């Protein structure tokens, strides 16, 4: 729930949140929620990238370790 003293800046003009119409407050809340989701998605993407790199490195290492067996077998 937004603070009653929230100031929303739109195109360089400041508006008190409480003075916005209900539909405008709804849009502000949607935008805030979407911003939170964007931050969370970026955070999770970074985790996925790191995990992907780790698994890729493990696979490369695993293949290197088994290559001599295949070459001699």
Protein backbone atom coordinates (compact mmCIF):
# COMPACT_ATOMS: atom_id res chain seq x y z
CA UNK A 1 0.00 0.00 0.00
CA UNK A 2 1.49 3.35 -1.01
CA UNK A 3 2.39 5.92 1.60
CA UNK A 4 -0.21 8.69 1.79
CA UNK A 5 2.61 11.20 1.29
CA UNK A 6 3.90 9.49 -1.87
CA UNK A 7 4.77 11.87 -4.65
CA UNK A 8 4.50 10.51 -8.19
CA UNK A 9 6.52 12.24 -10.90
CA UNK A 10 5.06 12.04 -14.40
CA UNK A 11 6.74 13.95 -17.24
CA UNK A 12 8.62 16.06 -14.71
CA UNK A 13 5.49 17.08 -12.79
CA UNK A 14 4.97 15.92 -9.21
CA UNK A 15 1.57 14.62 -8.11
CA UNK A 16 0.55 13.55 -4.61
CA UNK A 17 -0.52 9.91 -4.84
CA UNK A 18 -3.63 10.54 -2.75
CA UNK A 19 -4.81 13.20 -5.21
CA UNK A 20 -4.73 10.87 -8.19
CA UNK A 21 -7.97 9.35 -9.42
CA UNK A 22 -8.67 5.73 -8.50
CA UNK A 23 -7.81 4.55 -12.02
CA UNK A 24 -4.54 6.51 -11.90
CA UNK A 25 -3.64 5.05 -8.51
CA UNK A 26 -4.41 1.60 -9.91
CA UNK A 27 -2.00 2.22 -12.81
CA UNK A 28 0.69 3.46 -10.41
CA UNK A 29 0.26 0.29 -8.34
CA UNK A 30 0.46 -1.87 -11.47
CA UNK A 31 3.65 -0.11 -12.58
CA UNK A 32 5.20 -0.56 -9.13
CA UNK A 33 4.28 -4.22 -9.13
CA UNK A 34 5.75 -4.68 -12.61
CA UNK A 35 8.94 -2.90 -11.56
CA UNK A 36 9.26 -5.34 -8.65
CA UNK A 37 8.74 -8.27 -11.03
CA UNK A 38 11.38 -6.90 -13.41
CA UNK A 39 13.90 -6.66 -10.57
CA UNK A 40 13.06 -10.18 -9.44
CA UNK A 41 13.37 -11.52 -12.99
CA UNK A 42 16.78 -9.87 -13.41
CA UNK A 43 17.91 -11.37 -10.10
CA UNK A 44 16.70 -14.83 -11.12
CA UNK A 45 18.24 -14.49 -14.59
CA UNK A 46 21.62 -13.78 -13.00
CA UNK A 47 21.26 -16.94 -10.90
CA UNK A 48 20.31 -18.94 -14.00
CA UNK A 49 23.30 -17.60 -15.94
CA UNK A 50 25.69 -18.54 -13.14
CA UNK A 51 24.16 -22.01 -12.77
CA UNK A 52 24.31 -22.50 -16.55
CA UNK A 53 27.98 -21.57 -16.57
CA UNK A 54 28.70 -23.91 -13.67
CA UNK A 55 26.96 -26.87 -15.30
CA UNK A 56 28.65 -26.13 -18.62
CA UNK A 57 32.05 -26.09 -16.92
CA UNK A 58 31.27 -29.33 -15.11
CA UNK A 59 30.26 -30.99 -18.38
CA UNK A 60 33.43 -29.85 -20.13
CA UNK A 61 35.54 -31.11 -17.22
CA UNK A 62 33.67 -34.41 -17.14
CA UNK A 63 34.22 -34.96 -20.86
CA UNK A 64 37.93 -34.16 -20.50
CA UNK A 65 38.23 -36.73 -17.71
CA UNK A 66 36.62 -39.50 -19.75
CA UNK A 67 38.43 -38.81 -23.05
CA UNK A 68 41.53 -40.91 -22.23
CA UNK A 69 39.33 -43.93 -21.45
CA UNK A 70 37.57 -43.70 -24.79
CA UNK A 71 40.81 -43.14 -26.71
CA UNK A 72 42.49 -46.20 -25.20
CA UNK A 73 39.37 -48.38 -25.11
